[in-house]
Amino acid sequence: ILDVLKQGYMMKKGHKRKNWTERWFVLKPNIISYYVSEDLKDKKGDILLDENCCVESLPDKDGKKCLFLIKCFDKTFEISASDKKKKQEWIQAIHSTIHLLKLGSPPPHKEARQRRKELRKKLLAEQEELERQMKE
């Protein structure tokens, strides 16, 4: 749950049957998963993100609005958000995620976990040092 950066309903264009279907999308640090609904019971697919993926805005077409593309190594996904604000939020979130992958930096929650681990180690060392001094 900590890994979830953004989630919400959007329409996805099918790869085989070029129809549009509403899906619940979940963005995590290196993957976007999409499901039939927000209960996450029926996963329909994953979009594996890496530093070579890109996201770009598309003009409205065929009666579909708020379109954008997620281009990855082997596949391109055409997505329609519910409104312009959501479209921008998703593009920005996906772009930021890809940018972090390019930098090779750990996601923010992993950084925080690492800091806590180092702090615990430091506190433990200080405690052991105090105990050692008290024995002398």
N, C-alpha and C. Protein backbone atom coordinates (compact mmCIF):
# COMPACT_ATOMS: atom_id res chain seq x y z
N ILE A 1 0.84 -1.20 0.00
CA ILE A 1 0.00 0.00 0.00
C ILE A 1 0.87 1.25 0.00
N LEU A 2 1.98 1.21 0.73
CA LEU A 2 2.91 2.35 0.74
C LEU A 2 3.42 2.70 -0.65
N ASP A 3 3.53 1.68 -1.48
CA ASP A 3 4.11 1.88 -2.81
C ASP A 3 3.20 2.65 -3.77
N VAL A 4 1.91 2.74 -3.46
CA VAL A 4 0.96 3.35 -4.40
C VAL A 4 1.20 4.86 -4.50
N LEU A 5 1.54 5.32 -5.71
CA LEU A 5 1.80 6.74 -5.94
C LEU A 5 0.56 7.46 -6.44
N LYS A 6 -0.27 6.75 -7.20
CA LYS A 6 -1.51 7.32 -7.73
C LYS A 6 -2.41 6.19 -8.16
N GLN A 7 -3.73 6.41 -8.03
CA GLN A 7 -4.68 5.41 -8.50
C GLN A 7 -5.98 6.06 -8.90
N GLY A 8 -6.71 5.42 -9.80
CA GLY A 8 -7.99 5.95 -10.22
C GLY A 8 -8.49 5.28 -11.49
N TYR A 9 -9.76 5.56 -11.80
CA TYR A 9 -10.36 5.00 -13.02
C TYR A 9 -9.97 5.81 -14.24
N MET A 10 -9.66 5.12 -15.32
CA MET A 10 -9.43 5.73 -16.64
C MET A 10 -9.88 4.71 -17.68
N MET A 11 -9.99 5.17 -18.93
CA MET A 11 -10.33 4.27 -20.03
C MET A 11 -9.04 3.86 -20.73
N LYS A 12 -8.98 2.58 -21.12
CA LYS A 12 -7.82 2.07 -21.84
C LYS A 12 -8.28 1.48 -23.16
N LYS A 13 -7.55 1.81 -24.21
CA LYS A 13 -7.87 1.24 -25.52
C LYS A 13 -7.27 -0.16 -25.61
N GLY A 14 -8.07 -1.10 -26.06
CA GLY A 14 -7.62 -2.49 -26.17
C GLY A 14 -6.56 -2.65 -27.25
N HIS A 15 -5.67 -3.62 -27.06
CA HIS A 15 -4.63 -3.88 -28.06
C HIS A 15 -5.16 -4.73 -29.21
N LYS A 16 -5.99 -5.71 -28.88
CA LYS A 16 -6.53 -6.59 -29.94
C LYS A 16 -7.83 -6.04 -30.50
N ARG A 17 -8.84 -5.92 -29.62
CA ARG A 17 -10.13 -5.36 -30.04
C ARG A 17 -10.10 -3.89 -29.72
N LYS A 18 -9.86 -3.04 -30.59
CA LYS A 18 -9.57 -1.62 -30.32
C LYS A 18 -10.70 -0.88 -29.58
N ASN A 19 -11.41 -1.58 -28.69
CA ASN A 19 -12.47 -0.93 -27.94
C ASN A 19 -11.92 -0.28 -26.67
N TRP A 20 -12.68 0.63 -26.09
CA TRP A 20 -12.28 1.32 -24.88
C TRP A 20 -12.98 0.70 -23.68
N THR A 21 -12.21 0.42 -22.64
CA THR A 21 -12.76 -0.19 -21.43
C THR A 21 -12.29 0.57 -20.21
N GLU A 22 -13.21 0.78 -19.27
CA GLU A 22 -12.82 1.45 -18.03
C GLU A 22 -12.03 0.48 -17.16
N ARG A 23 -10.93 0.96 -16.63
CA ARG A 23 -10.08 0.16 -15.75
C ARG A 23 -9.66 0.99 -14.54
N TRP A 24 -9.37 0.32 -13.44
CA TRP A 24 -8.82 0.96 -12.24
C TRP A 24 -7.30 0.84 -12.34
N PHE A 25 -6.62 1.98 -12.45
CA PHE A 25 -5.17 2.00 -12.61
C PHE A 25 -4.49 2.29 -11.28
N VAL A 26 -3.37 1.59 -11.03
CA VAL A 26 -2.58 1.79 -9.82
C VAL A 26 -1.13 2.00 -10.23
N LEU A 27 -0.60 3.20 -9.94
CA LEU A 27 0.79 3.53 -10.27
C LEU A 27 1.67 3.27 -9.05
N LYS A 28 2.70 2.46 -9.26
CA LYS A 28 3.70 2.19 -8.23
C LYS A 28 5.06 2.61 -8.79
N PRO A 29 6.13 2.56 -7.97
CA PRO A 29 7.42 3.09 -8.43
C PRO A 29 7.97 2.54 -9.75
N ASN A 30 7.60 1.34 -10.17
CA ASN A 30 8.14 0.85 -11.44
C ASN A 30 7.11 0.08 -12.27
N ILE A 31 5.83 0.26 -11.93
CA ILE A 31 4.79 -0.49 -12.64
C ILE A 31 3.44 0.22 -12.53
N ILE A 32 2.66 0.10 -13.58
CA ILE A 32 1.25 0.51 -13.51
C ILE A 32 0.44 -0.76 -13.73
N SER A 33 -0.38 -1.10 -12.75
CA SER A 33 -1.26 -2.27 -12.90
C SER A 33 -2.66 -1.76 -13.15
N TYR A 34 -3.43 -2.53 -13.93
CA TYR A 34 -4.82 -2.13 -14.13
C TYR A 34 -5.75 -3.30 -13.90
N TYR A 35 -6.89 -2.96 -13.32
CA TYR A 35 -7.85 -3.95 -12.82
C TYR A 35 -9.25 -3.63 -13.34
N VAL A 36 -10.15 -4.62 -13.20
CA VAL A 36 -11.55 -4.41 -13.57
C VAL A 36 -12.16 -3.33 -12.68
N SER A 37 -11.86 -3.38 -11.37
CA SER A 37 -12.40 -2.37 -10.45
C SER A 37 -11.44 -2.14 -9.29
N GLU A 38 -11.81 -1.17 -8.44
CA GLU A 38 -10.90 -0.76 -7.37
C GLU A 38 -10.78 -1.79 -6.24
N ASP A 39 -11.56 -2.88 -6.29
CA ASP A 39 -11.37 -3.92 -5.26
C ASP A 39 -10.10 -4.74 -5.52
N LEU A 40 -9.46 -4.51 -6.69
CA LEU A 40 -8.18 -5.13 -7.06
C LEU A 40 -8.25 -6.65 -7.19
N LYS A 41 -9.45 -7.20 -7.30
CA LYS A 41 -9.58 -8.66 -7.37
C LYS A 41 -9.20 -9.22 -8.73
N ASP A 42 -9.58 -8.51 -9.79
CA ASP A 42 -9.38 -9.04 -11.14
C ASP A 42 -8.39 -8.18 -11.92
N LYS A 43 -7.09 -8.55 -11.82
CA LYS A 43 -6.06 -7.78 -12.53
C LYS A 43 -6.11 -8.12 -14.02
N LYS A 44 -6.09 -7.07 -14.85
CA LYS A 44 -6.16 -7.27 -16.29
C LYS A 44 -4.79 -7.14 -16.96
N GLY A 45 -3.85 -6.46 -16.30
CA GLY A 45 -2.54 -6.33 -16.90
C GLY A 45 -1.61 -5.40 -16.15
N ASP A 46 -0.38 -5.35 -16.62
CA ASP A 46 0.66 -4.49 -16.04
C ASP A 46 1.36 -3.72 -17.15
N ILE A 47 1.76 -2.51 -16.82
CA ILE A 47 2.62 -1.73 -17.70
C ILE A 47 3.93 -1.58 -16.93
N LEU A 48 4.95 -2.32 -17.36
CA LEU A 48 6.24 -2.27 -16.66
C LEU A 48 6.97 -1.00 -17.07
N LEU A 49 7.28 -0.17 -16.09
CA LEU A 49 7.96 1.09 -16.37
C LEU A 49 9.47 0.92 -16.20
N ASP A 50 10.22 1.50 -17.12
CA ASP A 50 11.67 1.60 -16.95
C ASP A 50 12.12 2.94 -17.51
N GLU A 51 13.42 3.17 -17.47
CA GLU A 51 13.93 4.49 -17.88
C GLU A 51 13.72 4.78 -19.36
N ASN A 52 13.37 3.77 -20.15
CA ASN A 52 13.15 3.98 -21.58
C ASN A 52 11.69 4.27 -21.93
N CYS A 53 10.81 4.17 -20.96
CA CYS A 53 9.40 4.47 -21.21
C CYS A 53 9.21 5.98 -21.31
N CYS A 54 8.12 6.37 -21.96
CA CYS A 54 7.79 7.80 -21.97
C CYS A 54 6.28 7.95 -21.97
N VAL A 55 5.84 9.12 -21.58
CA VAL A 55 4.41 9.42 -21.55
C VAL A 55 4.21 10.71 -22.31
N GLU A 56 3.19 10.75 -23.18
CA GLU A 56 2.96 11.97 -23.95
C GLU A 56 1.48 12.23 -24.13
N SER A 57 1.15 13.50 -24.15
CA SER A 57 -0.22 13.95 -24.33
C SER A 57 -0.65 13.75 -25.78
N LEU A 58 -1.92 13.44 -25.99
CA LEU A 58 -2.47 13.30 -27.34
C LEU A 58 -3.63 14.27 -27.51
N PRO A 59 -3.85 14.75 -28.73
CA PRO A 59 -5.04 15.59 -28.96
C PRO A 59 -6.30 14.72 -28.90
N ASP A 60 -7.44 15.35 -28.62
CA ASP A 60 -8.71 14.61 -28.62
C ASP A 60 -8.95 14.05 -30.02
N LYS A 61 -9.50 12.84 -30.08
CA LYS A 61 -9.83 12.25 -31.39
C LYS A 61 -10.91 11.19 -31.24
N ASP A 62 -11.62 10.94 -32.31
CA ASP A 62 -12.68 9.92 -32.35
C ASP A 62 -13.64 10.04 -31.16
N GLY A 63 -13.94 11.27 -30.78
CA GLY A 63 -14.87 11.48 -29.67
C GLY A 63 -14.27 11.20 -28.30
N LYS A 64 -12.99 10.83 -28.27
CA LYS A 64 -12.32 10.57 -26.98
C LYS A 64 -11.54 11.82 -26.57
N LYS A 65 -11.67 12.18 -25.31
CA LYS A 65 -10.99 13.37 -24.79
C LYS A 65 -9.94 12.97 -23.76
N CYS A 66 -9.08 13.94 -23.42
CA CYS A 66 -8.09 13.76 -22.35
C CYS A 66 -7.22 12.53 -22.56
N LEU A 67 -6.71 12.40 -23.78
CA LEU A 67 -5.92 11.23 -24.16
C LEU A 67 -4.43 11.42 -23.87
N PHE A 68 -3.78 10.31 -23.56
CA PHE A 68 -2.32 10.30 -23.49
C PHE A 68 -1.82 8.90 -23.78
N LEU A 69 -0.53 8.83 -24.12
CA LEU A 69 0.12 7.56 -24.46
C LEU A 69 1.17 7.23 -23.42
N ILE A 70 1.27 5.95 -23.11
CA ILE A 70 2.39 5.46 -22.32
C ILE A 70 3.14 4.52 -23.26
N LYS A 71 4.34 4.94 -23.66
CA LYS A 71 5.14 4.12 -24.58
C LYS A 71 6.21 3.39 -23.80
N CYS A 72 6.21 2.08 -23.95
CA CYS A 72 7.25 1.27 -23.33
C CYS A 72 7.93 0.43 -24.39
N PHE A 73 8.94 -0.29 -23.99
CA PHE A 73 9.77 -1.07 -24.90
C PHE A 73 8.96 -1.84 -25.94
N ASP A 74 8.01 -2.66 -25.48
CA ASP A 74 7.33 -3.55 -26.42
C ASP A 74 5.89 -3.15 -26.74
N LYS A 75 5.34 -2.21 -25.99
CA LYS A 75 3.93 -1.87 -26.18
C LYS A 75 3.68 -0.38 -25.97
N THR A 76 2.62 0.10 -26.60
CA THR A 76 2.16 1.47 -26.37
C THR A 76 0.72 1.38 -25.88
N PHE A 77 0.44 2.10 -24.81
CA PHE A 77 -0.89 2.08 -24.21
C PHE A 77 -1.57 3.43 -24.43
N GLU A 78 -2.79 3.40 -24.96
CA GLU A 78 -3.55 4.62 -25.17
C GLU A 78 -4.59 4.72 -24.05
N ILE A 79 -4.54 5.84 -23.34
CA ILE A 79 -5.36 6.02 -22.14
C ILE A 79 -6.19 7.29 -22.28
N SER A 80 -7.39 7.26 -21.72
CA SER A 80 -8.26 8.44 -21.68
C SER A 80 -8.65 8.71 -20.23
N ALA A 81 -8.25 9.89 -19.73
CA ALA A 81 -8.60 10.28 -18.36
C ALA A 81 -9.99 10.92 -18.37
N SER A 82 -10.58 11.06 -17.20
CA SER A 82 -11.95 11.58 -17.12
C SER A 82 -12.03 13.09 -17.37
N ASP A 83 -10.96 13.82 -17.07
CA ASP A 83 -10.95 15.26 -17.33
C ASP A 83 -9.51 15.75 -17.50
N LYS A 84 -9.37 17.03 -17.89
CA LYS A 84 -8.04 17.58 -18.18
C LYS A 84 -7.13 17.58 -16.96
N LYS A 85 -7.70 17.88 -15.79
CA LYS A 85 -6.91 17.92 -14.56
C LYS A 85 -6.34 16.53 -14.26
N LYS A 86 -7.20 15.51 -14.34
CA LYS A 86 -6.74 14.13 -14.08
C LYS A 86 -5.69 13.71 -15.11
N LYS A 87 -5.91 14.09 -16.36
CA LYS A 87 -4.94 13.77 -17.42
C LYS A 87 -3.57 14.34 -17.05
N GLN A 88 -3.53 15.63 -16.67
CA GLN A 88 -2.26 16.27 -16.31
C GLN A 88 -1.63 15.61 -15.09
N GLU A 89 -2.46 15.29 -14.09
CA GLU A 89 -1.95 14.64 -12.87
C GLU A 89 -1.29 13.30 -13.20
N TRP A 90 -1.97 12.51 -14.04
CA TRP A 90 -1.43 11.20 -14.40
C TRP A 90 -0.14 11.33 -15.22
N ILE A 91 -0.16 12.23 -16.21
CA ILE A 91 1.04 12.43 -17.04
C ILE A 91 2.21 12.83 -16.14
N GLN A 92 1.96 13.78 -15.23
CA GLN A 92 3.01 14.26 -14.33
C GLN A 92 3.52 13.14 -13.42
N ALA A 93 2.60 12.38 -12.85
CA ALA A 93 2.98 11.29 -11.93
C ALA A 93 3.80 10.22 -12.65
N ILE A 94 3.36 9.85 -13.86
CA ILE A 94 4.09 8.82 -14.62
C ILE A 94 5.44 9.36 -15.06
N HIS A 95 5.46 10.62 -15.51
CA HIS A 95 6.71 11.25 -15.93
C HIS A 95 7.71 11.28 -14.76
N SER A 96 7.25 11.67 -13.59
CA SER A 96 8.12 11.73 -12.40
C SER A 96 8.66 10.35 -12.04
N THR A 97 7.79 9.35 -12.14
CA THR A 97 8.20 7.97 -11.84
C THR A 97 9.30 7.51 -12.79
N ILE A 98 9.10 7.78 -14.09
CA ILE A 98 10.11 7.40 -15.09
C ILE A 98 11.41 8.16 -14.85
N HIS A 99 11.28 9.45 -14.49
CA HIS A 99 12.46 10.28 -14.21
C HIS A 99 13.26 9.69 -13.04
N LEU A 100 12.57 9.27 -11.99
CA LEU A 100 13.25 8.65 -10.84
C LEU A 100 13.95 7.36 -11.24
N LEU A 101 13.32 6.60 -12.14
CA LEU A 101 13.94 5.37 -12.62
C LEU A 101 15.21 5.69 -13.42
N LYS A 102 15.16 6.79 -14.20
CA LYS A 102 16.34 7.21 -14.98
C LYS A 102 17.49 7.57 -14.05
N LEU A 103 17.15 8.25 -12.96
CA LEU A 103 18.18 8.66 -12.01
C LEU A 103 18.69 7.46 -11.20
N GLY A 104 17.90 6.40 -11.21
CA GLY A 104 18.28 5.22 -10.44
C GLY A 104 18.14 5.44 -8.96
N SER A 105 17.36 6.47 -8.58
CA SER A 105 17.21 6.75 -7.16
C SER A 105 16.06 5.93 -6.59
N PRO A 106 16.21 5.52 -5.34
CA PRO A 106 15.14 4.73 -4.73
C PRO A 106 13.90 5.60 -4.55
N PRO A 107 12.71 5.00 -4.57
CA PRO A 107 11.50 5.77 -4.33
C PRO A 107 11.53 6.38 -2.93
N PRO A 108 10.80 7.47 -2.70
CA PRO A 108 10.86 8.19 -1.42
C PRO A 108 10.66 7.30 -0.19
N HIS A 109 9.72 6.36 -0.23
CA HIS A 109 9.47 5.52 0.95
C HIS A 109 10.65 4.60 1.24
N LYS A 110 11.38 4.17 0.20
CA LYS A 110 12.55 3.31 0.42
C LYS A 110 13.68 4.13 1.04
N GLU A 111 13.80 5.40 0.60
CA GLU A 111 14.80 6.29 1.19
C GLU A 111 14.53 6.47 2.68
N ALA A 112 13.27 6.70 3.01
CA ALA A 112 12.88 6.90 4.41
C ALA A 112 13.19 5.64 5.23
N ARG A 113 12.89 4.48 4.65
CA ARG A 113 13.16 3.21 5.33
C ARG A 113 14.66 3.06 5.59
N GLN A 114 15.48 3.43 4.61
CA GLN A 114 16.93 3.35 4.75
C GLN A 114 17.43 4.28 5.85
N ARG A 115 16.86 5.51 5.89
CA ARG A 115 17.25 6.47 6.94
C ARG A 115 16.90 5.93 8.32
N ARG A 116 15.70 5.34 8.45
CA ARG A 116 15.30 4.77 9.75
C ARG A 116 16.23 3.64 10.16
N LYS A 117 16.62 2.82 9.20
CA LYS A 117 17.51 1.69 9.47
C LYS A 117 18.87 2.21 9.98
N GLU A 118 19.38 3.25 9.31
CA GLU A 118 20.67 3.82 9.71
C GLU A 118 20.58 4.45 11.10
N LEU A 119 19.45 5.11 11.37
CA LEU A 119 19.25 5.75 12.67
C LEU A 119 19.20 4.69 13.78
N ARG A 120 18.47 3.59 13.53
CA ARG A 120 18.40 2.50 14.51
C ARG A 120 19.79 1.94 14.80
N LYS A 121 20.58 1.77 13.75
CA LYS A 121 21.94 1.24 13.87
C LYS A 121 22.79 2.17 14.74
N LYS A 122 22.66 3.47 14.48
CA LYS A 122 23.43 4.48 15.22
C LYS A 122 23.02 4.48 16.70
N LEU A 123 21.70 4.44 16.95
CA LEU A 123 21.21 4.44 18.33
C LEU A 123 21.67 3.19 19.08
N LEU A 124 21.64 2.06 18.41
CA LEU A 124 22.07 0.80 19.00
C LEU A 124 23.56 0.88 19.36
N ALA A 125 24.36 1.44 18.46
CA ALA A 125 25.81 1.57 18.70
C ALA A 125 26.06 2.49 19.90
N GLU A 126 25.30 3.59 19.98
CA GLU A 126 25.45 4.52 21.11
C GLU A 126 25.06 3.85 22.42
N GLN A 127 23.98 3.07 22.38
CA GLN A 127 23.51 2.38 23.57
C GLN A 127 24.56 1.37 24.04
N GLU A 128 25.13 0.62 23.09
CA GLU A 128 26.16 -0.36 23.44
C GLU A 128 27.39 0.33 24.02
N GLU A 129 27.74 1.49 23.47
CA GLU A 129 28.89 2.26 23.96
C GLU A 129 28.64 2.72 25.40
N LEU A 130 27.43 3.21 25.66
CA LEU A 130 27.08 3.66 27.02
C LEU A 130 27.15 2.49 28.01
N GLU A 131 26.61 1.34 27.61
CA GLU A 131 26.64 0.17 28.48
C GLU A 131 28.08 -0.26 28.75
N ARG A 132 28.93 -0.17 27.74
CA ARG A 132 30.33 -0.54 27.89
C ARG A 132 31.01 0.40 28.89
N GLN A 133 30.71 1.71 28.75
CA GLN A 133 31.32 2.69 29.66
C GLN A 133 30.86 2.49 31.10
N MET A 134 29.60 2.10 31.27
CA MET A 134 29.06 1.90 32.62
C MET A 134 29.70 0.69 33.31
N LYS A 135 30.14 -0.28 32.53
CA LYS A 135 30.77 -1.48 33.09
C LYS A 135 32.18 -1.18 33.57
N GLU A 136 32.81 -0.16 32.99
CA GLU A 136 34.21 0.14 33.33
C GLU A 136 34.34 0.73 34.72
